[in-house]
């Protein structure tokens, strides 16, 4: 074989290996690949998760303020944030599992938070 044919075969082999590698990595769903982009659904799930974590943070902060100051306002705000967090968790489960999602756990926790919220009272007026 002459040098041109050898060179073309080597280039073709390298290109074939690179294409196969990219195809393999895209099948593996690695997030930082050349041709993969996050889908709208993935961004929606991340948005719900961020909102859930923010609601949990607000609930913990408000409950700490309730324990510190004893005001019913902080107690209600804390339980409202827990209810909001549970609603986001419920939406995340619906997003992941679709129609097969078992939402009874989240419905029960929301009712429990609503019952506890009704017990809020000022203890340090």
PDB file of N, CA and C in Angstrom:
ATOM      1  N   UNK A   1       0.832  -1.182   0.000  1.00  0.00           N
ATOM      2  CA  UNK A   1       0.000   0.000   0.000  1.00  0.00           C
ATOM      3  C   UNK A   1       0.878   1.247   0.000  1.00  0.00           C
ATOM      4  N   UNK A   2       0.345   2.277  -0.595  1.00  0.00           N
ATOM      5  CA  UNK A   2       1.111   3.506  -0.595  1.00  0.00           C
ATOM      6  C   UNK A   2       0.775   4.333   0.644  1.00  0.00           C
ATOM      7  N   UNK A   3       1.479   5.437   0.804  1.00  0.00           N
ATOM      8  CA  UNK A   3       1.345   6.262   2.014  1.00  0.00           C
ATOM      9  C   UNK A   3      -0.039   6.902   2.110  1.00  0.00           C
ATOM     10  N   UNK A   4      -0.650   7.272   1.020  1.00  0.00           N
ATOM     11  CA  UNK A   4      -1.961   7.925   1.044  1.00  0.00           C
ATOM     12  C   UNK A   4      -3.036   6.984   1.571  1.00  0.00           C
ATOM     13  N   UNK A   5      -3.026   5.756   1.094  1.00  0.00           N
ATOM     14  CA  UNK A   5      -4.024   4.784   1.567  1.00  0.00           C
ATOM     15  C   UNK A   5      -3.831   4.480   3.046  1.00  0.00           C
ATOM     16  N   UNK A   6      -2.613   4.327   3.478  1.00  0.00           N
ATOM     17  CA  UNK A   6      -2.327   4.070   4.893  1.00  0.00           C
ATOM     18  C   UNK A   6      -2.803   5.242   5.756  1.00  0.00           C
ATOM     19  N   UNK A   7      -2.550   6.443   5.283  1.00  0.00           N
ATOM     20  CA  UNK A   7      -2.957   7.633   6.031  1.00  0.00           C
ATOM     21  C   UNK A   7      -4.483   7.711   6.106  1.00  0.00           C
ATOM     22  N   UNK A   8      -5.185   7.464   5.024  1.00  0.00           N
ATOM     23  CA  UNK A   8      -6.650   7.502   5.003  1.00  0.00           C
ATOM     24  C   UNK A   8      -7.256   6.434   5.916  1.00  0.00           C
ATOM     25  N   UNK A   9      -6.671   5.243   5.929  1.00  0.00           N
ATOM     26  CA  UNK A   9      -7.162   4.177   6.808  1.00  0.00           C
ATOM     27  C   UNK A   9      -6.983   4.564   8.272  1.00  0.00           C
ATOM     28  N   UNK A  10      -5.851   5.146   8.616  1.00  0.00           N
ATOM     29  CA  UNK A  10      -5.607   5.575  10.005  1.00  0.00           C
ATOM     30  C   UNK A  10      -6.587   6.676  10.426  1.00  0.00           C
ATOM     31  N   UNK A  11      -6.805   7.657   9.552  1.00  0.00           N
ATOM     32  CA  UNK A  11      -7.734   8.741   9.872  1.00  0.00           C
ATOM     33  C   UNK A  11      -9.152   8.191  10.026  1.00  0.00           C
ATOM     34  N   UNK A  12      -9.558   7.305   9.126  1.00  0.00           N
ATOM     35  CA  UNK A  12     -10.889   6.702   9.220  1.00  0.00           C
ATOM     36  C   UNK A  12     -11.039   5.920  10.525  1.00  0.00           C
ATOM     37  N   UNK A  13      -9.998   5.184  10.918  1.00  0.00           N
ATOM     38  CA  UNK A  13     -10.050   4.408  12.160  1.00  0.00           C
ATOM     39  C   UNK A  13     -10.182   5.327  13.373  1.00  0.00           C
ATOM     40  N   UNK A  14      -9.443   6.425  13.382  1.00  0.00           N
ATOM     41  CA  UNK A  14      -9.505   7.362  14.507  1.00  0.00           C
ATOM     42  C   UNK A  14     -10.894   8.016  14.567  1.00  0.00           C
ATOM     43  N   UNK A  15     -11.435   8.435  13.428  1.00  0.00           N
ATOM     44  CA  UNK A  15     -12.757   9.051  13.384  1.00  0.00           C
ATOM     45  C   UNK A  15     -13.822   8.054  13.840  1.00  0.00           C
ATOM     46  N   UNK A  16     -13.708   6.814  13.405  1.00  0.00           N
ATOM     47  CA  UNK A  16     -14.652   5.783  13.811  1.00  0.00           C
ATOM     48  C   UNK A  16     -14.592   5.545  15.319  1.00  0.00           C
ATOM     49  N   UNK A  17     -13.412   5.509  15.880  1.00  0.00           N
ATOM     50  CA  UNK A  17     -13.266   5.320  17.328  1.00  0.00           C
ATOM     51  C   UNK A  17     -13.872   6.492  18.090  1.00  0.00           C
ATOM     52  N   UNK A  18     -13.648   7.721  17.629  1.00  0.00           N
ATOM     53  CA  UNK A  18     -14.191   8.901  18.302  1.00  0.00           C
ATOM     54  C   UNK A  18     -15.716   8.900  18.223  1.00  0.00           C
ATOM     55  N   UNK A  19     -16.286   8.593  17.076  1.00  0.00           N
ATOM     56  CA  UNK A  19     -17.734   8.552  16.930  1.00  0.00           C
ATOM     57  C   UNK A  19     -18.340   7.475  17.827  1.00  0.00           C
ATOM     58  N   UNK A  20     -17.717   6.323  17.879  1.00  0.00           N
ATOM     59  CA  UNK A  20     -18.217   5.254  18.751  1.00  0.00           C
ATOM     60  C   UNK A  20     -18.137   5.655  20.216  1.00  0.00           C
ATOM     61  N   UNK A  21     -17.063   6.328  20.612  1.00  0.00           N
ATOM     62  CA  UNK A  21     -16.912   6.775  21.992  1.00  0.00           C
ATOM     63  C   UNK A  21     -17.985   7.792  22.352  1.00  0.00           C
ATOM     64  N   UNK A  22     -18.235   8.757  21.482  1.00  0.00           N
ATOM     65  CA  UNK A  22     -19.269   9.762  21.747  1.00  0.00           C
ATOM     66  C   UNK A  22     -20.641   9.100  21.820  1.00  0.00           C
ATOM     67  N   UNK A  23     -20.922   8.181  20.924  1.00  0.00           N
ATOM     68  CA  UNK A  23     -22.215   7.485  20.958  1.00  0.00           C
ATOM     69  C   UNK A  23     -22.369   6.683  22.250  1.00  0.00           C
ATOM     70  N   UNK A  24     -21.310   6.004  22.672  1.00  0.00           N
ATOM     71  CA  UNK A  24     -21.361   5.223  23.911  1.00  0.00           C
ATOM     72  C   UNK A  24     -21.612   6.126  25.120  1.00  0.00           C
ATOM     73  N   UNK A  25     -20.909   7.237  25.189  1.00  0.00           N
ATOM     74  CA  UNK A  25     -21.067   8.134  26.328  1.00  0.00           C
ATOM     75  C   UNK A  25     -22.443   8.789  26.339  1.00  0.00           C
ATOM     76  N   UNK A  26     -22.989   9.093  25.180  1.00  0.00           N
ATOM     77  CA  UNK A  26     -24.342   9.656  25.141  1.00  0.00           C
ATOM     78  C   UNK A  26     -25.379   8.637  25.562  1.00  0.00           C
ATOM     79  N   UNK A  27     -25.165   7.382  25.288  1.00  0.00           N
ATOM     80  CA  UNK A  27     -26.084   6.333  25.731  1.00  0.00           C
ATOM     81  C   UNK A  27     -26.026   6.215  27.250  1.00  0.00           C
ATOM     82  N   UNK A  28     -24.870   6.450  27.843  1.00  0.00           N
ATOM     83  CA  UNK A  28     -24.706   6.354  29.294  1.00  0.00           C
ATOM     84  C   UNK A  28     -25.329   7.542  30.030  1.00  0.00           C
ATOM     85  N   UNK A  29     -25.810   8.543  29.322  1.00  0.00           N
ATOM     86  CA  UNK A  29     -26.484   9.714  29.898  1.00  0.00           C
ATOM     87  C   UNK A  29     -25.575  10.526  30.809  1.00  0.00           C
ATOM     88  N   UNK A  30     -24.340  10.680  30.424  1.00  0.00           N
ATOM     89  CA  UNK A  30     -23.441  11.533  31.188  1.00  0.00           C
ATOM     90  C   UNK A  30     -23.836  12.993  30.940  1.00  0.00           C
ATOM     91  N   UNK A  31     -23.890  13.833  31.991  1.00  0.00           N
ATOM     92  CA  UNK A  31     -24.405  15.183  31.815  1.00  0.00           C
ATOM     93  C   UNK A  31     -23.458  16.136  31.086  1.00  0.00           C
ATOM     94  N   UNK A  32     -22.182  15.868  31.075  1.00  0.00           N
ATOM     95  CA  UNK A  32     -21.249  16.840  30.511  1.00  0.00           C
ATOM     96  C   UNK A  32     -20.663  16.360  29.199  1.00  0.00           C
ATOM     97  N   UNK A  33     -21.495  15.894  28.300  1.00  0.00           N
ATOM     98  CA  UNK A  33     -21.010  15.388  27.032  1.00  0.00           C
ATOM     99  C   UNK A  33     -21.141  16.421  25.934  1.00  0.00           C
ATOM    100  N   UNK A  34     -20.524  16.110  24.839  1.00  0.00           N
ATOM    101  CA  UNK A  34     -20.473  17.040  23.726  1.00  0.00           C
ATOM    102  C   UNK A  34     -21.858  17.338  23.155  1.00  0.00           C
ATOM    103  N   UNK A  35     -22.672  16.313  22.939  1.00  0.00           N
ATOM    104  CA  UNK A  35     -23.934  16.499  22.245  1.00  0.00           C
ATOM    105  C   UNK A  35     -25.163  16.409  23.139  1.00  0.00           C
ATOM    106  N   UNK A  36     -24.997  16.249  24.433  1.00  0.00           N
ATOM    107  CA  UNK A  36     -26.174  16.100  25.281  1.00  0.00           C
ATOM    108  C   UNK A  36     -26.538  17.437  25.915  1.00  0.00           C
ATOM    109  N   UNK A  37     -27.842  17.702  25.971  1.00  0.00           N
ATOM    110  CA  UNK A  37     -28.360  18.911  26.601  1.00  0.00           C
ATOM    111  C   UNK A  37     -29.378  18.490  27.650  1.00  0.00           C
ATOM    112  N   UNK A  38     -29.495  19.251  28.730  1.00  0.00           N
ATOM    113  CA  UNK A  38     -30.538  18.909  29.690  1.00  0.00           C
ATOM    114  C   UNK A  38     -31.907  19.150  29.066  1.00  0.00           C
ATOM    115  N   UNK A  39     -32.822  18.270  29.335  1.00  0.00           N
ATOM    116  CA  UNK A  39     -34.159  18.425  28.790  1.00  0.00           C
ATOM    117  C   UNK A  39     -34.963  19.361  29.671  1.00  0.00           C
ATOM    118  N   UNK A  40     -36.083  19.800  29.156  1.00  0.00           N
ATOM    119  CA  UNK A  40     -36.956  20.693  29.907  1.00  0.00           C
ATOM    120  C   UNK A  40     -37.451  19.999  31.165  1.00  0.00           C
ATOM    121  N   UNK A  41     -37.711  18.685  31.055  1.00  0.00           N
ATOM    122  CA  UNK A  41     -38.201  17.944  32.206  1.00  0.00           C
ATOM    123  C   UNK A  41     -37.163  17.899  33.319  1.00  0.00           C
ATOM    124  N   UNK A  42     -35.889  17.700  32.967  1.00  0.00           N
ATOM    125  CA  UNK A  42     -34.845  17.676  33.988  1.00  0.00           C
ATOM    126  C   UNK A  42     -34.758  19.028  34.684  1.00  0.00           C
ATOM    127  N   UNK A  43     -34.865  20.100  33.911  1.00  0.00           N
ATOM    128  CA  UNK A  43     -34.812  21.429  34.508  1.00  0.00           C
ATOM    129  C   UNK A  43     -36.020  21.662  35.416  1.00  0.00           C
ATOM    130  N   UNK A  44     -37.180  21.128  35.036  1.00  0.00           N
ATOM    131  CA  UNK A  44     -38.371  21.270  35.878  1.00  0.00           C
ATOM    132  C   UNK A  44     -38.179  20.539  37.206  1.00  0.00           C
ATOM    133  N   UNK A  45     -37.604  19.330  37.163  1.00  0.00           N
ATOM    134  CA  UNK A  45     -37.371  18.575  38.393  1.00  0.00           C
ATOM    135  C   UNK A  45     -36.382  19.315  39.291  1.00  0.00           C
ATOM    136  N   UNK A  46     -35.324  19.848  38.695  1.00  0.00           N
ATOM    137  CA  UNK A  46     -34.345  20.591  39.491  1.00  0.00           C
ATOM    138  C   UNK A  46     -34.965  21.839  40.107  1.00  0.00           C
ATOM    139  N   UNK A  47     -35.847  22.487  39.354  1.00  0.00           N
ATOM    140  CA  UNK A  47     -36.527  23.671  39.880  1.00  0.00           C
ATOM    141  C   UNK A  47     -37.416  23.297  41.066  1.00  0.00           C
ATOM    142  N   UNK A  48     -38.155  22.196  40.945  1.00  0.00           N
ATOM    143  CA  UNK A  48     -38.999  21.751  42.056  1.00  0.00           C
ATOM    144  C   UNK A  48     -38.166  21.382  43.272  1.00  0.00           C
ATOM    145  N   UNK A  49     -37.031  20.728  43.045  1.00  0.00           N
ATOM    146  CA  UNK A  49     -36.161  20.342  44.156  1.00  0.00           C
ATOM    147  C   UNK A  49     -35.597  21.573  44.853  1.00  0.00           C
ATOM    148  N   UNK A  50     -35.235  22.583  44.077  1.00  0.00           N
ATOM    149  CA  UNK A  50     -34.714  23.813  44.678  1.00  0.00           C
ATOM    150  C   UNK A  50     -35.798  24.524  45.492  1.00  0.00           C
ATOM    151  N   UNK A  51     -37.014  24.582  44.949  1.00  0.00           N
ATOM    152  CA  UNK A  51     -38.116  25.206  45.694  1.00  0.00           C
ATOM    153  C   UNK A  51     -38.419  24.438  46.968  1.00  0.00           C
ATOM    154  N   UNK A  52     -38.365  23.096  46.904  1.00  0.00           N
ATOM    155  CA  UNK A  52     -38.616  22.276  48.085  1.00  0.00           C
ATOM    156  C   UNK A  52     -37.573  22.545  49.163  1.00  0.00           C
ATOM    157  N   UNK A  53     -36.300  22.583  48.755  1.00  0.00           N
ATOM    158  CA  UNK A  53     -35.246  22.810  49.746  1.00  0.00           C
ATOM    159  C   UNK A  53     -35.332  24.216  50.333  1.00  0.00           C
ATOM    160  N   UNK A  54     -35.716  25.208  49.535  1.00  0.00           N
ATOM    161  CA  UNK A  54     -35.899  26.562  50.060  1.00  0.00           C
ATOM    162  C   UNK A  54     -37.057  26.619  51.050  1.00  0.00           C
ATOM    163  N   UNK A  55     -38.134  25.903  50.752  1.00  0.00           N
ATOM    164  CA  UNK A  55     -39.283  25.879  51.669  1.00  0.00           C
ATOM    165  C   UNK A  55     -38.904  25.192  52.986  1.00  0.00           C
ATOM    166  N   UNK A  56     -38.130  24.112  52.904  1.00  0.00           N
ATOM    167  CA  UNK A  56     -37.688  23.442  54.132  1.00  0.00           C
ATOM    168  C   UNK A  56     -36.776  24.348  54.953  1.00  0.00           C
ATOM    169  N   UNK A  57     -35.890  25.067  54.277  1.00  0.00           N
ATOM    170  CA  UNK A  57     -35.010  25.998  54.987  1.00  0.00           C
ATOM    171  C   UNK A  57     -35.830  27.076  55.690  1.00  0.00           C
ATOM    172  N   UNK A  58     -36.826  27.631  54.985  1.00  0.00           N
ATOM    173  CA  UNK A  58     -37.679  28.663  55.581  1.00  0.00           C
ATOM    174  C   UNK A  58     -38.465  28.102  56.759  1.00  0.00           C
ATOM    175  N   UNK A  59     -38.927  26.868  56.645  1.00  0.00           N
ATOM    176  CA  UNK A  59     -39.688  26.252  57.742  1.00  0.00           C
ATOM    177  C   UNK A  59     -38.811  26.088  58.980  1.00  0.00           C
ATOM    178  N   UNK A  60     -37.592  25.621  58.790  1.00  0.00           N
ATOM    179  CA  UNK A  60     -36.689  25.446  59.934  1.00  0.00           C
ATOM    180  C   UNK A  60     -36.327  26.794  60.554  1.00  0.00           C
ATOM    181  N   UNK A  61     -36.088  27.794  59.705  1.00  0.00           N
ATOM    182  CA  UNK A  61     -35.748  29.129  60.205  1.00  0.00           C
ATOM    183  C   UNK A  61     -36.910  29.712  61.000  1.00  0.00           C
ATOM    184  N   UNK A  62     -38.127  29.607  60.455  1.00  0.00           N
ATOM    185  CA  UNK A  62     -39.298  30.164  61.144  1.00  0.00           C
ATOM    186  C   UNK A  62     -39.588  29.419  62.447  1.00  0.00           C
ATOM    187  N   UNK A  63     -39.362  28.108  62.461  1.00  0.00           N
ATOM    188  CA  UNK A  63     -39.598  27.367  63.698  1.00  0.00           C
ATOM    189  C   UNK A  63     -38.571  27.750  64.764  1.00  0.00           C
ATOM    190  N   UNK A  64     -37.328  28.000  64.339  1.00  0.00           N
ATOM    191  CA  UNK A  64     -36.316  28.467  65.301  1.00  0.00           C
ATOM    192  C   UNK A  64     -36.718  29.833  65.857  1.00  0.00           C
ATOM    193  N   UNK A  65     -37.253  30.698  65.003  1.00  0.00           N
ATOM    194  CA  UNK A  65     -37.730  31.999  65.482  1.00  0.00           C
ATOM    195  C   UNK A  65     -38.932  31.832  66.417  1.00  0.00           C
ATOM    196  N   UNK A  66     -39.799  30.861  66.132  1.00  0.00           N
ATOM    197  CA  UNK A  66     -40.935  30.606  67.009  1.00  0.00           C
ATOM    198  C   UNK A  66     -40.452  30.161  68.389  1.00  0.00           C
ATOM    199  N   UNK A  67     -39.465  29.270  68.417  1.00  0.00           N
ATOM    200  CA  UNK A  67     -38.928  28.821  69.707  1.00  0.00           C
ATOM    201  C   UNK A  67     -38.232  29.956  70.443  1.00  0.00           C
ATOM    202  N   UNK A  68     -37.635  30.863  69.696  1.00  0.00           N
ATOM    203  CA  UNK A  68     -36.908  31.977  70.311  1.00  0.00           C
ATOM    204  C   UNK A  68     -37.860  33.060  70.813  1.00  0.00           C
ATOM    205  N   UNK A  69     -38.845  33.457  69.984  1.00  0.00           N
ATOM    206  CA  UNK A  69     -39.709  34.578  70.322  1.00  0.00           C
ATOM    207  C   UNK A  69     -41.092  34.170  70.801  1.00  0.00           C
ATOM    208  N   UNK A  70     -41.545  32.965  70.459  1.00  0.00           N
ATOM    209  CA  UNK A  70     -42.827  32.466  70.923  1.00  0.00           C
ATOM    210  C   UNK A  70     -44.036  33.080  70.255  1.00  0.00           C
ATOM    211  N   UNK A  71     -43.882  33.637  69.077  1.00  0.00           N
ATOM    212  CA  UNK A  71     -45.006  34.278  68.400  1.00  0.00           C
ATOM    213  C   UNK A  71     -45.721  33.299  67.476  1.00  0.00           C
ATOM    214  N   UNK A  72     -47.056  33.411  67.478  1.00  0.00           N
ATOM    215  CA  UNK A  72     -47.878  32.549  66.633  1.00  0.00           C
ATOM    216  C   UNK A  72     -47.586  32.789  65.145  1.00  0.00           C
ATOM    217  N   UNK A  73     -47.144  33.984  64.808  1.00  0.00           N
ATOM    218  CA  UNK A  73     -46.840  34.313  63.408  1.00  0.00           C
ATOM    219  C   UNK A  73     -45.739  33.396  62.878  1.00  0.00           C
ATOM    220  N   UNK A  74     -44.685  33.191  63.658  1.00  0.00           N
ATOM    221  CA  UNK A  74     -43.581  32.327  63.213  1.00  0.00           C
ATOM    222  C   UNK A  74     -44.020  30.866  63.146  1.00  0.00           C
ATOM    223  N   UNK A  75     -44.879  30.469  64.082  1.00  0.00           N
ATOM    224  CA  UNK A  75     -45.382  29.088  64.076  1.00  0.00           C
ATOM    225  C   UNK A  75     -46.194  28.828  62.816  1.00  0.00           C
ATOM    226  N   UNK A  76     -47.114  29.715  62.499  1.00  0.00           N
ATOM    227  CA  UNK A  76     -47.925  29.561  61.286  1.00  0.00           C
ATOM    228  C   UNK A  76     -47.065  29.600  60.032  1.00  0.00           C
ATOM    229  N   UNK A  77     -46.095  30.511  60.002  1.00  0.00           N
ATOM    230  CA  UNK A  77     -45.213  30.604  58.834  1.00  0.00           C
ATOM    231  C   UNK A  77     -44.408  29.326  58.664  1.00  0.00           C
ATOM    232  N   UNK A  78     -43.953  28.760  59.771  1.00  0.00           N
ATOM    233  CA  UNK A  78     -43.185  27.520  59.705  1.00  0.00           C
ATOM    234  C   UNK A  78     -44.024  26.385  59.136  1.00  0.00           C
ATOM    235  N   UNK A  79     -45.232  26.207  59.645  1.00  0.00           N
ATOM    236  CA  UNK A  79     -46.076  25.119  59.152  1.00  0.00           C
ATOM    237  C   UNK A  79     -46.545  25.368  57.717  1.00  0.00           C
ATOM    238  N   UNK A  80     -46.751  26.628  57.346  1.00  0.00           N
ATOM    239  CA  UNK A  80     -47.075  26.922  55.942  1.00  0.00           C
ATOM    240  C   UNK A  80     -45.915  26.527  55.035  1.00  0.00           C
ATOM    241  N   UNK A  81     -44.687  26.771  55.481  1.00  0.00           N
ATOM    242  CA  UNK A  81     -43.518  26.385  54.681  1.00  0.00           C
ATOM    243  C   UNK A  81     -43.378  24.871  54.599  1.00  0.00           C
ATOM    244  N   UNK A  82     -43.707  24.155  55.698  1.00  0.00           N
ATOM    245  CA  UNK A  82     -43.667  22.686  55.644  1.00  0.00           C
ATOM    246  C   UNK A  82     -44.710  22.154  54.676  1.00  0.00           C
ATOM    247  N   UNK A  83     -45.892  22.775  54.665  1.00  0.00           N
ATOM    248  CA  UNK A  83     -46.940  22.362  53.728  1.00  0.00           C
ATOM    249  C   UNK A  83     -46.487  22.621  52.290  1.00  0.00           C
ATOM    250  N   UNK A  84     -45.874  23.765  52.068  1.00  0.00           N
ATOM    251  CA  UNK A  84     -45.361  24.092  50.736  1.00  0.00           C
ATOM    252  C   UNK A  84     -44.285  23.097  50.307  1.00  0.00           C
ATOM    253  N   UNK A  85     -43.398  22.747  51.224  1.00  0.00           N
ATOM    254  CA  UNK A  85     -42.353  21.762  50.933  1.00  0.00           C
ATOM    255  C   UNK A  85     -42.954  20.407  50.582  1.00  0.00           C
ATOM    256  N   UNK A  86     -43.965  20.010  51.326  1.00  0.00           N
ATOM    257  CA  UNK A  86     -44.638  18.733  51.030  1.00  0.00           C
ATOM    258  C   UNK A  86     -45.318  18.764  49.672  1.00  0.00           C
ATOM    259  N   UNK A  87     -45.894  19.891  49.319  1.00  0.00           N
ATOM    260  CA  UNK A  87     -46.519  20.014  48.004  1.00  0.00           C
ATOM    261  C   UNK A  87     -45.487  19.890  46.887  1.00  0.00           C
ATOM    262  N   UNK A  88     -44.313  20.487  47.073  1.00  0.00           N
ATOM    263  CA  UNK A  88     -43.253  20.347  46.059  1.00  0.00           C
ATOM    264  C   UNK A  88     -42.767  18.901  45.983  1.00  0.00           C
ATOM    265  N   UNK A  89     -42.652  18.228  47.124  1.00  0.00           N
ATOM    266  CA  UNK A  89     -42.252  16.821  47.117  1.00  0.00           C
ATOM    267  C   UNK A  89     -43.297  15.973  46.391  1.00  0.00           C
ATOM    268  N   UNK A  90     -44.555  16.309  46.601  1.00  0.00           N
ATOM    269  CA  UNK A  90     -45.649  15.609  45.932  1.00  0.00           C
ATOM    270  C   UNK A  90     -45.554  15.804  44.416  1.00  0.00           C
ATOM    271  N   UNK A  91     -45.281  17.038  43.987  1.00  0.00           N
ATOM    272  CA  UNK A  91     -45.128  17.310  42.561  1.00  0.00           C
ATOM    273  C   UNK A  91     -43.924  16.578  41.975  1.00  0.00           C
ATOM    274  N   UNK A  92     -42.842  16.462  42.757  1.00  0.00           N
ATOM    275  CA  UNK A  92     -41.660  15.744  42.296  1.00  0.00           C
ATOM    276  C   UNK A  92     -41.977  14.265  42.112  1.00  0.00           C
ATOM    277  N   UNK A  93     -42.715  13.682  43.060  1.00  0.00           N
ATOM    278  CA  UNK A  93     -43.120  12.281  42.922  1.00  0.00           C
ATOM    279  C   UNK A  93     -44.024  12.082  41.705  1.00  0.00           C
ATOM    280  N   UNK A  94     -44.941  13.011  41.502  1.00  0.00           N
ATOM    281  CA  UNK A  94     -45.792  12.930  40.312  1.00  0.00           C
ATOM    282  C   UNK A  94     -44.965  13.008  39.042  1.00  0.00           C
ATOM    283  N   UNK A  95     -43.957  13.858  39.061  1.00  0.00           N
ATOM    284  CA  UNK A  95     -43.099  14.015  37.891  1.00  0.00           C
ATOM    285  C   UNK A  95     -42.315  12.740  37.613  1.00  0.00           C
ATOM    286  N   UNK A  96     -41.793  12.105  38.677  1.00  0.00           N
ATOM    287  CA  UNK A  96     -40.965  10.908  38.498  1.00  0.00           C
ATOM    288  C   UNK A  96     -41.806   9.689  38.157  1.00  0.00           C
ATOM    289  N   UNK A  97     -42.840   9.431  38.951  1.00  0.00           N
ATOM    290  CA  UNK A  97     -43.592   8.185  38.818  1.00  0.00           C
ATOM    291  C   UNK A  97     -44.842   8.299  37.941  1.00  0.00           C
ATOM    292  N   UNK A  98     -45.267   9.503  37.645  1.00  0.00           N
ATOM    293  CA  UNK A  98     -46.441   9.693  36.796  1.00  0.00           C
ATOM    294  C   UNK A  98     -47.706   9.211  37.472  1.00  0.00           C
ATOM    295  N   UNK A  99     -48.522   8.483  36.734  1.00  0.00           N
ATOM    296  CA  UNK A  99     -49.809   8.022  37.257  1.00  0.00           C
ATOM    297  C   UNK A  99     -49.652   6.979  38.354  1.00  0.00           C
ATOM    298  N   UNK A 100     -48.501   6.297  38.407  1.00  0.00           N
ATOM    299  CA  UNK A 100     -48.303   5.249  39.408  1.00  0.00           C
ATOM    300  C   UNK A 100     -47.829   5.800  40.755  1.00  0.00           C
ATOM    301  N   UNK A 101     -47.724   7.118  40.879  1.00  0.00           N
ATOM    302  CA  UNK A 101     -47.205   7.721  42.107  1.00  0.00           C
ATOM    303  C   UNK A 101     -48.176   7.492  43.264  1.00  0.00           C
ATOM    304  N   UNK A 102     -47.614   7.111  44.423  1.00  0.00           N
ATOM    305  CA  UNK A 102     -48.411   6.947  45.630  1.00  0.00           C
ATOM    306  C   UNK A 102     -48.295   8.241  46.432  1.00  0.00           C
ATOM    307  N   UNK A 103     -49.332   9.050  46.369  1.00  0.00           N
ATOM    308  CA  UNK A 103     -49.300  10.371  46.998  1.00  0.00           C
ATOM    309  C   UNK A 103     -49.957  10.391  48.367  1.00  0.00           C
ATOM    310  N   UNK A 104     -50.379   9.240  48.853  1.00  0.00           N
ATOM    311  CA  UNK A 104     -51.076   9.201  50.142  1.00  0.00           C
ATOM    312  C   UNK A 104     -50.163   9.660  51.274  1.00  0.00           C
ATOM    313  N   UNK A 105     -48.884   9.347  51.178  1.00  0.00           N
ATOM    314  CA  UNK A 105     -47.930   9.770  52.220  1.00  0.00           C
ATOM    315  C   UNK A 105     -47.879  11.296  52.298  1.00  0.00           C
ATOM    316  N   UNK A 106     -47.824  11.952  51.134  1.00  0.00           N
ATOM    317  CA  UNK A 106     -47.738  13.410  51.131  1.00  0.00           C
ATOM    318  C   UNK A 106     -49.062  14.026  51.566  1.00  0.00           C
ATOM    319  N   UNK A 107     -50.190  13.428  51.170  1.00  0.00           N
ATOM    320  CA  UNK A 107     -51.484  13.943  51.606  1.00  0.00           C
ATOM    321  C   UNK A 107     -51.623  13.849  53.127  1.00  0.00           C
ATOM    322  N   UNK A 108     -51.157  12.741  53.687  1.00  0.00           N
ATOM    323  CA  UNK A 108     -51.209  12.554  55.141  1.00  0.00           C
ATOM    324  C   UNK A 108     -50.325  13.572  55.856  1.00  0.00           C
ATOM    325  N   UNK A 109     -49.114  13.778  55.330  1.00  0.00           N
ATOM    326  CA  UNK A 109     -48.216  14.737  55.991  1.00  0.00           C
ATOM    327  C   UNK A 109     -48.762  16.155  55.893  1.00  0.00           C
ATOM    328  N   UNK A 110     -49.403  16.505  54.785  1.00  0.00           N
ATOM    329  CA  UNK A 110     -49.989  17.844  54.650  1.00  0.00           C
ATOM    330  C   UNK A 110     -51.127  18.018  55.655  1.00  0.00           C
ATOM    331  N   UNK A 111     -51.974  16.981  55.823  1.00  0.00           N
ATOM    332  CA  UNK A 111     -53.052  17.066  56.818  1.00  0.00           C
ATOM    333  C   UNK A 111     -52.481  17.181  58.227  1.00  0.00           C
ATOM    334  N   UNK A 112     -51.400  16.439  58.500  1.00  0.00           N
ATOM    335  CA  UNK A 112     -50.767  16.530  59.820  1.00  0.00           C
ATOM    336  C   UNK A 112     -50.230  17.924  60.084  1.00  0.00           C
ATOM    337  N   UNK A 113     -49.570  18.528  59.078  1.00  0.00           N
ATOM    338  CA  UNK A 113     -49.057  19.894  59.243  1.00  0.00           C
ATOM    339  C   UNK A 113     -50.197  20.894  59.454  1.00  0.00           C
ATOM    340  N   UNK A 114     -51.303  20.686  58.733  1.00  0.00           N
ATOM    341  CA  UNK A 114     -52.447  21.581  58.910  1.00  0.00           C
ATOM    342  C   UNK A 114     -53.034  21.444  60.314  1.00  0.00           C
ATOM    343  N   UNK A 115     -53.087  20.215  60.832  1.00  0.00           N
ATOM    344  CA  UNK A 115     -53.582  20.011  62.202  1.00  0.00           C
ATOM    345  C   UNK A 115     -52.648  20.637  63.221  1.00  0.00           C
ATOM    346  N   UNK A 116     -51.354  20.481  63.023  1.00  0.00           N
ATOM    347  CA  UNK A 116     -50.395  21.079  63.956  1.00  0.00           C
ATOM    348  C   UNK A 116     -50.427  22.599  63.881  1.00  0.00           C
ATOM    349  N   UNK A 117     -50.635  23.124  62.680  1.00  0.00           N
ATOM    350  CA  UNK A 117     -50.705  24.580  62.525  1.00  0.00           C
ATOM    351  C   UNK A 117     -51.880  25.140  63.315  1.00  0.00           C
ATOM    352  N   UNK A 118     -52.969  24.396  63.395  1.00  0.00           N
ATOM    353  CA  UNK A 118     -54.132  24.878  64.134  1.00  0.00           C
ATOM    354  C   UNK A 118     -53.851  24.932  65.642  1.00  0.00           C
ATOM    355  N   UNK A 119     -52.817  24.237  66.109  1.00  0.00           N
ATOM    356  CA  UNK A 119     -52.474  24.241  67.538  1.00  0.00           C
ATOM    357  C   UNK A 119     -51.503  25.355  67.919  1.00  0.00           C
ATOM    358  N   UNK A 120     -51.076  26.153  66.944  1.00  0.00           N
ATOM    359  CA  UNK A 120     -50.106  27.233  67.233  1.00  0.00           C
ATOM    360  C   UNK A 120     -50.710  28.250  68.198  1.00  0.00           C
ATOM    361  N   UNK A 121     -49.940  28.564  69.202  1.00  0.00           N
ATOM    362  CA  UNK A 121     -50.369  29.563  70.186  1.00  0.00           C
ATOM    363  C   UNK A 121     -49.147  30.360  70.614  1.00  0.00           C
ATOM    364  N   UNK A 122     -49.389  31.594  71.034  1.00  0.00           N
ATOM    365  CA  UNK A 122     -48.306  32.411  71.599  1.00  0.00           C
ATOM    366  C   UNK A 122     -47.949  31.836  72.969  1.00  0.00           C
ATOM    367  N   UNK A 123     -46.662  31.570  73.191  1.00  0.00           N
ATOM    368  CA  UNK A 123     -46.287  31.117  74.524  1.00  0.00           C
ATOM    369  C   UNK A 123     -45.398  32.121  75.226  1.00  0.00           C
ATOM    370  N   UNK A 124     -45.005  33.176  74.538  1.00  0.00           N
ATOM    371  CA  UNK A 124     -44.168  34.202  75.164  1.00  0.00           C
ATOM    372  C   UNK A 124     -44.637  35.570  74.655  1.00  0.00           C
ATOM    373  N   UNK A 125     -45.835  36.026  75.055  1.00  0.00           N
ATOM    374  CA  UNK A 125     -46.394  37.277  74.491  1.00  0.00           C
ATOM    375  C   UNK A 125     -45.668  38.522  74.955  1.00  0.00           C
TER     376      UNK A 125
END
